[in-house]
Amino acid sequence: MFIKVLLAARLLREVSFLGAEALVRSPARRAIGVRVWFGDDAIEYFTERLDADRLREATVQIVKKAKRNKAFQNSRWTGLAFDGSGVGRSHNKRCEGCRPVRNKEKEIIGYHHKIVMASVVGTGLSLPLDVEPYGPGDSEYAAGHRLLPRIVKNLGARFADYAVADGEFARAPFLHAAGDSGLKIVARLKDNLPELHEAAQRRFSSKPRDRKFQDGRDWVEVWDADDFDPWTTLRWETVRVIRYRQHKPDGSVVEAYWLTDWTKAEAGSQSVYHMAKSRWEIENQGFNDGKKRYGLEHICHHHPNSLLINWLLIALTLTLERLYRNRYLHRGNHTVMQPVTLVRLLWISLGKPHDSS
């Protein structure tokens, strides 16, 4: 009952427990299938004690069913993106998970929590799956390293083809863990691997591009080489590096380097480029949507398990909304509904004529 109300509240973009309480105290209660009303304190008590793994399992089962039902059939590759961000802001430090937020002068202006999210990407549907909070003294890399094996175990080894992540995860243990899990890896190459980065810059600056193609309104140049030496702790025989230069219509150019263990026979330059670009889906359609529309920045109840449950509920809500709107509703000749349009229709459906007699 509580989960049903919280999911309904998130789908309607009610970000607080008080908003959920308002729903069950209104005529909308029957429309969402709840017989009795309850207060926000009851929701707090419930989320403090709810098993997070059961909620994770529910999201995973929905995504696995979506794949069985051909939700990703138009995509050759299925990816899993990993990325970290600050969420759950507060003015004061309330628990050990609160981390300071500083301005340019290094002054503390508030506190927030940090999580790593995992999301399905590269399929035309960005579906957040799971989150892992930073612990005290923890890091994005450590949280992501815990999240990776859990995701693969829950989804199954054959669900996804590759993992994509920022340069923070371009470390041998994470790359090995991805490989041991049956995933190819596409990771951003930055200055945290200075020797490899400098070698790639020297190589590609002195040779012509390997390929040029159009991506929407942009033109993309790609340099690709698969014979770079691995660093000491990496057990790969060689490292493949691609460099792309993305030319925008306004004249600006975006350049980035990525490393991967895909061979050229398995995935061409253009395919690896699109896998690398799929990393931005978790940023734009995971964290940005979650923060701006679904309350990822809002703290409903400052309790470790309650915070985790709220973040997992938002991931589940985003996944349900996208599957319903983009796959279930996209039948016939009508266009795909905009997210806000669906929210408005959901709100309207909860109303009923007022009886003034």
Protein backbone atom coordinates (compact mmCIF):
# COMPACT_ATOMS: atom_id res chain seq x y z
CA MET A 1 0.00 0.00 0.00
CA PHE A 2 2.76 2.48 0.95
CA ILE A 3 4.79 1.60 -2.16
CA LYS A 4 1.73 2.11 -4.34
CA VAL A 5 1.18 5.59 -2.90
CA LEU A 6 4.84 6.56 -3.15
CA LEU A 7 5.03 5.40 -6.77
CA ALA A 8 1.86 7.32 -7.61
CA ALA A 9 3.28 10.42 -5.94
CA ARG A 10 6.55 10.17 -7.88
CA LEU A 11 4.74 9.62 -11.19
CA LEU A 12 2.73 12.75 -10.43
CA ARG A 13 5.96 14.55 -9.50
CA GLU A 14 5.01 15.01 -5.86
CA VAL A 15 8.48 15.00 -4.33
CA SER A 16 7.67 15.03 -0.59
CA PHE A 17 6.07 12.62 1.86
CA LEU A 18 3.62 15.42 2.69
CA GLY A 19 2.59 15.39 -0.96
CA ALA A 20 1.98 11.64 -0.75
CA GLU A 21 -0.09 12.20 2.41
CA ALA A 22 -2.17 14.83 0.56
CA LEU A 23 -2.96 12.26 -2.13
CA VAL A 24 -4.29 9.66 0.32
CA ARG A 25 -6.31 12.29 2.18
CA SER A 26 -7.97 13.41 -1.07
CA PRO A 27 -10.64 11.87 -3.32
CA ALA A 28 -7.73 10.56 -5.41
CA ARG A 29 -7.14 7.87 -2.77
CA ARG A 30 -9.62 5.44 -4.34
CA ALA A 31 -8.32 6.12 -7.84
CA ILE A 32 -4.84 4.91 -6.85
CA GLY A 33 -6.29 1.87 -5.08
CA VAL A 34 -5.75 2.83 -1.43
CA ARG A 35 -8.56 2.23 1.05
CA VAL A 36 -7.38 4.18 4.09
CA TRP A 37 -5.47 7.39 4.61
CA PHE A 38 -2.27 7.77 6.60
CA GLY A 39 0.21 10.52 7.44
CA ASP A 40 3.74 11.32 6.39
CA ASP A 41 5.06 9.97 9.71
CA ALA A 42 3.77 6.52 8.76
CA ILE A 43 5.63 6.77 5.44
CA GLU A 44 8.79 7.74 7.30
CA TYR A 45 8.46 4.71 9.57
CA PHE A 46 7.82 2.46 6.57
CA THR A 47 10.79 3.67 4.48
CA GLU A 48 13.16 3.34 7.44
CA ARG A 49 12.41 -0.40 7.49
CA LEU A 50 11.76 -1.35 3.87
CA ASP A 51 14.21 -3.84 2.34
CA ALA A 52 16.04 -1.96 -0.42
CA ASP A 53 16.98 -5.18 -2.20
CA ARG A 54 13.30 -6.01 -2.77
CA LEU A 55 12.86 -2.65 -4.49
CA ARG A 56 15.99 -3.23 -6.58
CA GLU A 57 14.66 -6.63 -7.58
CA ALA A 58 11.35 -5.12 -8.71
CA THR A 59 13.10 -2.64 -11.01
CA VAL A 60 15.38 -5.31 -12.46
CA GLN A 61 12.49 -7.68 -13.14
CA ILE A 62 10.60 -4.93 -14.98
CA VAL A 63 13.61 -4.16 -17.18
CA LYS A 64 14.28 -7.84 -17.89
CA LYS A 65 10.65 -8.31 -18.90
CA ALA A 66 10.90 -5.26 -21.14
CA LYS A 67 13.85 -6.82 -22.95
CA ARG A 68 12.03 -10.14 -23.34
CA ASN A 69 9.12 -8.20 -24.84
CA LYS A 70 11.45 -6.68 -27.49
CA ALA A 71 11.61 -3.18 -26.01
CA PHE A 72 15.24 -2.96 -27.22
CA GLN A 73 14.81 -4.79 -30.51
CA ASN A 74 15.91 -1.85 -32.67
CA SER A 75 19.30 -1.65 -30.93
CA ARG A 76 22.28 -3.84 -31.73
CA TRP A 77 24.04 -3.20 -28.41
CA THR A 78 22.69 -2.87 -24.88
CA GLY A 79 24.81 -0.82 -22.51
CA LEU A 80 25.05 -0.15 -18.79
CA ALA A 81 26.23 3.33 -17.81
CA PHE A 82 27.75 4.17 -14.41
CA ASP A 83 28.07 7.70 -13.09
CA GLY A 84 28.10 9.60 -9.79
CA SER A 85 26.43 12.83 -8.68
CA GLY A 86 25.44 14.86 -5.65
CA VAL A 87 21.82 14.51 -4.49
CA GLY A 88 19.72 15.15 -1.39
CA ARG A 89 20.73 18.66 -0.34
CA SER A 90 20.38 20.13 3.16
CA HIS A 91 21.52 23.29 4.95
CA ASN A 92 23.09 21.45 7.87
CA LYS A 93 24.96 18.19 8.34
CA ARG A 94 22.42 15.66 9.54
CA CYS A 95 24.23 12.33 9.21
CA GLU A 96 27.57 10.72 8.37
CA GLY A 97 26.58 10.55 4.70
CA CYS A 98 26.28 14.34 4.41
CA ARG A 99 29.17 15.84 2.44
CA PRO A 100 29.97 19.57 2.32
CA VAL A 101 29.12 21.65 -0.76
CA ARG A 102 31.63 24.47 -1.25
CA ASN A 103 31.57 27.65 -3.33
CA LYS A 104 34.46 29.01 -5.39
CA GLU A 105 36.02 30.44 -2.25
CA LYS A 106 35.96 26.94 -0.68
CA GLU A 107 33.36 28.05 1.88
CA ILE A 108 30.80 25.47 2.97
CA ILE A 109 27.38 26.58 1.69
CA GLY A 110 25.44 23.41 2.47
CA TYR A 111 25.57 19.63 2.43
CA HIS A 112 24.51 16.86 0.11
CA HIS A 113 24.74 13.12 -0.35
CA LYS A 114 26.48 11.42 -3.25
CA ILE A 115 25.42 8.34 -5.16
CA VAL A 116 26.47 6.30 -8.17
CA MET A 117 23.65 5.34 -10.52
CA ALA A 118 23.53 2.52 -13.06
CA SER A 119 21.25 2.81 -16.09
CA VAL A 120 20.43 0.92 -19.26
CA VAL A 121 21.66 3.03 -22.21
CA GLY A 122 22.23 2.78 -25.93
CA THR A 123 18.83 1.26 -26.67
CA GLY A 124 16.65 4.31 -27.27
CA LEU A 125 15.37 3.95 -23.70
CA SER A 126 17.37 5.21 -20.74
CA LEU A 127 16.21 3.12 -17.78
CA PRO A 128 17.77 3.79 -14.35
CA LEU A 129 18.24 0.51 -12.49
CA ASP A 130 19.98 0.97 -9.20
CA VAL A 131 21.89 3.41 -7.00
CA GLU A 132 24.74 2.97 -4.54
CA PRO A 133 25.37 5.71 -1.94
CA TYR A 134 28.83 6.82 -0.94
CA GLY A 135 29.71 5.72 2.57
CA PRO A 136 31.74 7.87 5.01
CA GLY A 137 35.15 8.50 3.45
CA ASP A 138 33.95 6.74 0.30
CA SER A 139 34.42 7.67 -3.36
CA GLU A 140 32.61 7.48 -6.69
CA TYR A 141 34.96 4.75 -7.81
CA ALA A 142 34.45 2.59 -4.70
CA ALA A 143 30.66 2.94 -4.84
CA GLY A 144 30.64 2.09 -8.55
CA HIS A 145 32.88 -0.90 -7.95
CA ARG A 146 30.28 -2.23 -5.47
CA LEU A 147 27.42 -1.48 -7.84
CA LEU A 148 28.81 -3.22 -10.94
CA PRO A 149 28.80 -6.85 -9.71
CA ARG A 150 25.39 -6.44 -8.06
CA ILE A 151 23.86 -5.12 -11.28
CA VAL A 152 25.32 -7.93 -13.38
CA LYS A 153 24.24 -10.55 -10.86
CA ASN A 154 20.68 -9.20 -10.75
CA LEU A 155 20.32 -8.77 -14.51
CA GLY A 156 22.19 -11.87 -15.59
CA ALA A 157 25.49 -12.05 -17.46
CA ARG A 158 23.89 -11.91 -20.94
CA PHE A 159 21.58 -8.94 -20.44
CA ALA A 160 24.04 -6.23 -21.53
CA ASP A 161 26.92 -6.08 -23.99
CA TYR A 162 29.05 -3.27 -22.60
CA ALA A 163 29.62 -0.92 -19.67
CA VAL A 164 30.35 2.77 -20.25
CA ALA A 165 31.76 5.15 -17.67
CA ASP A 166 33.73 8.35 -17.16
CA GLY A 167 37.47 8.46 -16.60
CA GLU A 168 37.05 7.93 -12.83
CA PHE A 169 36.35 4.27 -13.58
CA ALA A 170 39.24 3.78 -16.03
CA ARG A 171 41.20 1.78 -13.47
CA ALA A 172 42.40 -1.77 -13.79
CA PRO A 173 40.20 -3.34 -11.04
CA PHE A 174 36.99 -1.90 -12.52
CA LEU A 175 37.98 -2.82 -16.08
CA HIS A 176 38.83 -6.34 -14.94
CA ALA A 177 35.55 -6.64 -13.01
CA ALA A 178 33.60 -5.64 -16.12
CA GLY A 179 35.46 -8.20 -18.22
CA ASP A 180 34.99 -10.94 -15.64
CA SER A 181 31.26 -10.13 -15.71
CA GLY A 182 31.08 -10.67 -19.45
CA LEU A 183 30.92 -6.97 -20.37
CA LYS A 184 33.06 -5.06 -22.79
CA ILE A 185 34.12 -1.67 -21.43
CA VAL A 186 34.16 1.82 -22.95
CA ALA A 187 35.75 4.33 -20.56
CA ARG A 188 36.82 7.96 -20.92
CA LEU A 189 40.56 8.43 -21.23
CA LYS A 190 41.79 11.48 -19.34
CA ASP A 191 44.88 12.72 -17.52
CA ASN A 192 44.41 10.13 -14.77
CA LEU A 193 46.22 7.79 -17.19
CA PRO A 194 48.88 10.30 -18.32
CA GLU A 195 51.18 7.96 -20.26
CA LEU A 196 48.42 6.40 -22.33
CA HIS A 197 46.69 9.75 -22.83
CA GLU A 198 49.88 11.43 -24.00
CA ALA A 199 50.75 8.51 -26.29
CA ALA A 200 47.32 8.70 -27.92
CA GLN A 201 47.59 12.48 -28.36
CA ARG A 202 51.00 12.13 -30.04
CA ARG A 203 49.85 9.31 -32.30
CA PHE A 204 46.61 10.87 -33.47
CA SER A 205 47.97 14.39 -33.94
CA SER A 206 50.40 13.12 -36.58
CA LYS A 207 48.08 10.89 -38.61
CA PRO A 208 44.96 11.52 -40.71
CA ARG A 209 41.55 10.57 -39.37
CA ASP A 210 40.38 7.01 -39.92
CA ARG A 211 36.75 7.86 -40.55
CA LYS A 212 34.31 10.71 -40.99
CA PHE A 213 30.52 10.42 -40.65
CA GLN A 214 27.43 12.42 -39.83
CA ASP A 215 25.65 12.20 -36.46
CA GLY A 216 22.40 14.13 -36.74
CA ARG A 217 23.40 17.69 -37.62
CA ASP A 218 27.00 17.15 -36.50
CA TRP A 219 30.02 15.90 -38.42
CA VAL A 220 32.31 13.52 -36.57
CA GLU A 221 35.95 12.65 -37.25
CA VAL A 222 37.37 9.53 -35.61
CA TRP A 223 40.92 8.29 -35.06
CA ASP A 224 41.21 4.65 -33.99
CA ALA A 225 44.17 2.47 -32.96
CA ASP A 226 44.17 -0.84 -31.12
CA ASP A 227 47.86 -1.41 -30.37
CA PHE A 228 48.59 0.83 -27.38
CA ASP A 229 50.54 -0.73 -24.51
CA PRO A 230 48.57 -1.43 -21.31
CA TRP A 231 49.72 0.13 -18.06
CA THR A 232 51.41 -2.04 -15.46
CA THR A 233 48.37 -3.27 -13.53
CA LEU A 234 46.11 -3.83 -16.57
CA ARG A 235 46.07 -7.44 -17.75
CA TRP A 236 44.92 -6.65 -21.31
CA GLU A 237 47.34 -7.54 -24.10
CA THR A 238 46.75 -4.20 -25.85
CA VAL A 239 44.50 -1.16 -25.40
CA ARG A 240 42.31 0.27 -28.13
CA VAL A 241 41.87 4.05 -28.05
CA ILE A 242 39.57 6.19 -30.15
CA ARG A 243 39.62 9.94 -30.45
CA TYR A 244 36.65 11.79 -31.85
CA ARG A 245 36.17 15.40 -32.88
CA GLN A 246 32.49 16.33 -33.08
CA HIS A 247 31.84 19.44 -35.18
CA LYS A 248 28.65 21.32 -34.19
CA PRO A 249 26.58 23.50 -36.59
CA ASP A 250 27.63 26.61 -34.61
CA GLY A 251 31.29 25.90 -35.33
CA SER A 252 32.21 24.53 -31.90
CA VAL A 253 34.15 21.27 -31.63
CA VAL A 254 33.90 18.61 -28.93
CA GLU A 255 36.93 16.34 -28.58
CA ALA A 256 37.35 13.28 -26.37
CA TYR A 257 39.48 10.17 -25.99
CA TRP A 258 38.07 6.78 -24.97
CA LEU A 259 39.64 3.40 -24.28
CA THR A 260 38.00 0.04 -24.86
CA ASP A 261 38.59 -3.70 -25.07
CA TRP A 262 36.29 -4.09 -28.08
CA THR A 263 38.33 -5.36 -31.03
CA LYS A 264 37.89 -3.70 -34.41
CA ALA A 265 36.38 -6.93 -35.73
CA GLU A 266 33.73 -6.87 -32.97
CA ALA A 267 32.79 -3.18 -33.13
CA GLY A 268 33.79 -0.54 -35.63
CA SER A 269 34.83 3.02 -34.89
CA GLN A 270 31.35 4.42 -35.37
CA SER A 271 29.83 1.82 -33.04
CA VAL A 272 32.35 2.58 -30.29
CA TYR A 273 31.70 6.30 -30.78
CA HIS A 274 27.97 5.79 -30.19
CA MET A 275 28.69 3.62 -27.12
CA ALA A 276 30.87 6.39 -25.73
CA LYS A 277 28.17 9.01 -26.38
CA SER A 278 25.57 6.81 -24.64
CA ARG A 279 27.34 7.67 -21.39
CA TRP A 280 25.60 11.09 -21.51
CA GLU A 281 22.20 9.44 -21.25
CA ILE A 282 22.69 8.75 -17.54
CA GLU A 283 23.69 12.38 -17.02
CA ASN A 284 20.82 13.92 -18.98
CA GLN A 285 18.02 11.39 -18.59
CA GLY A 286 19.06 10.00 -15.23
CA PHE A 287 20.39 12.69 -12.93
CA ASN A 288 19.04 15.79 -14.69
CA ASP A 289 15.50 14.42 -15.03
CA GLY A 290 15.63 12.98 -11.53
CA LYS A 291 16.70 16.29 -10.00
CA LYS A 292 14.56 18.70 -11.98
CA ARG A 293 11.32 16.71 -12.13
CA TYR A 294 11.27 13.86 -9.63
CA GLY A 295 12.83 15.18 -6.44
CA LEU A 296 16.28 13.61 -6.46
CA GLU A 297 17.61 16.73 -4.71
CA HIS A 298 14.83 16.71 -2.09
CA ILE A 299 15.24 14.95 1.26
CA CYS A 300 11.91 13.54 2.40
CA HIS A 301 13.23 12.01 5.62
CA HIS A 302 16.83 12.17 6.77
CA HIS A 303 17.39 8.51 7.60
CA PRO A 304 19.95 6.36 5.69
CA ASN A 305 17.52 3.67 4.57
CA SER A 306 14.72 6.15 3.90
CA LEU A 307 17.06 8.19 1.68
CA LEU A 308 18.09 5.07 -0.23
CA ILE A 309 14.48 3.96 -0.69
CA ASN A 310 13.56 7.38 -2.07
CA TRP A 311 16.41 7.29 -4.61
CA LEU A 312 15.49 3.75 -5.68
CA LEU A 313 11.83 4.75 -6.02
CA ILE A 314 12.82 7.61 -8.32
CA ALA A 315 14.84 5.19 -10.48
CA LEU A 316 11.86 2.83 -10.62
CA THR A 317 9.50 5.70 -11.46
CA LEU A 318 11.67 6.92 -14.33
CA THR A 319 11.88 3.39 -15.72
CA LEU A 320 8.12 2.75 -15.46
CA GLU A 321 7.21 6.11 -16.96
CA ARG A 322 9.48 5.66 -19.97
CA LEU A 323 8.46 2.09 -20.70
CA TYR A 324 4.78 2.98 -20.45
CA ARG A 325 4.98 6.20 -22.46
CA ASN A 326 7.46 5.15 -25.15
CA ARG A 327 6.60 1.49 -25.62
CA TYR A 328 3.11 0.71 -24.31
CA LEU A 329 1.48 3.95 -25.51
CA HIS A 330 3.42 4.13 -28.77
CA ARG A 331 0.97 2.07 -30.80
CA GLY A 332 -0.90 3.04 -33.94
CA ASN A 333 -0.16 6.24 -35.81
CA HIS A 334 -0.13 8.76 -32.95
CA THR A 335 3.10 10.41 -31.88
CA VAL A 336 4.97 9.65 -28.67
CA MET A 337 3.50 11.59 -25.76
CA GLN A 338 5.67 14.16 -24.01
CA PRO A 339 6.42 13.36 -20.33
CA VAL A 340 4.62 16.43 -18.99
CA THR A 341 1.54 15.57 -21.08
CA LEU A 342 1.35 12.17 -19.42
CA VAL A 343 1.69 13.76 -15.98
CA ARG A 344 -1.19 16.13 -16.72
CA LEU A 345 -3.38 13.29 -17.93
CA LEU A 346 -2.58 11.30 -14.80
CA TRP A 347 -3.59 14.24 -12.63
CA ILE A 348 -6.83 14.73 -14.54
CA SER A 349 -7.67 11.02 -14.23
CA LEU A 350 -7.52 11.25 -10.43
CA GLY A 351 -10.26 13.87 -10.22
CA LYS A 352 -13.99 13.28 -9.91
CA PRO A 353 -16.97 15.64 -10.07
CA HIS A 354 -17.62 17.47 -6.80
CA ASP A 355 -21.00 16.62 -5.26
CA SER A 356 -22.33 19.86 -3.71
CA SER A 357 -25.67 18.42 -2.61
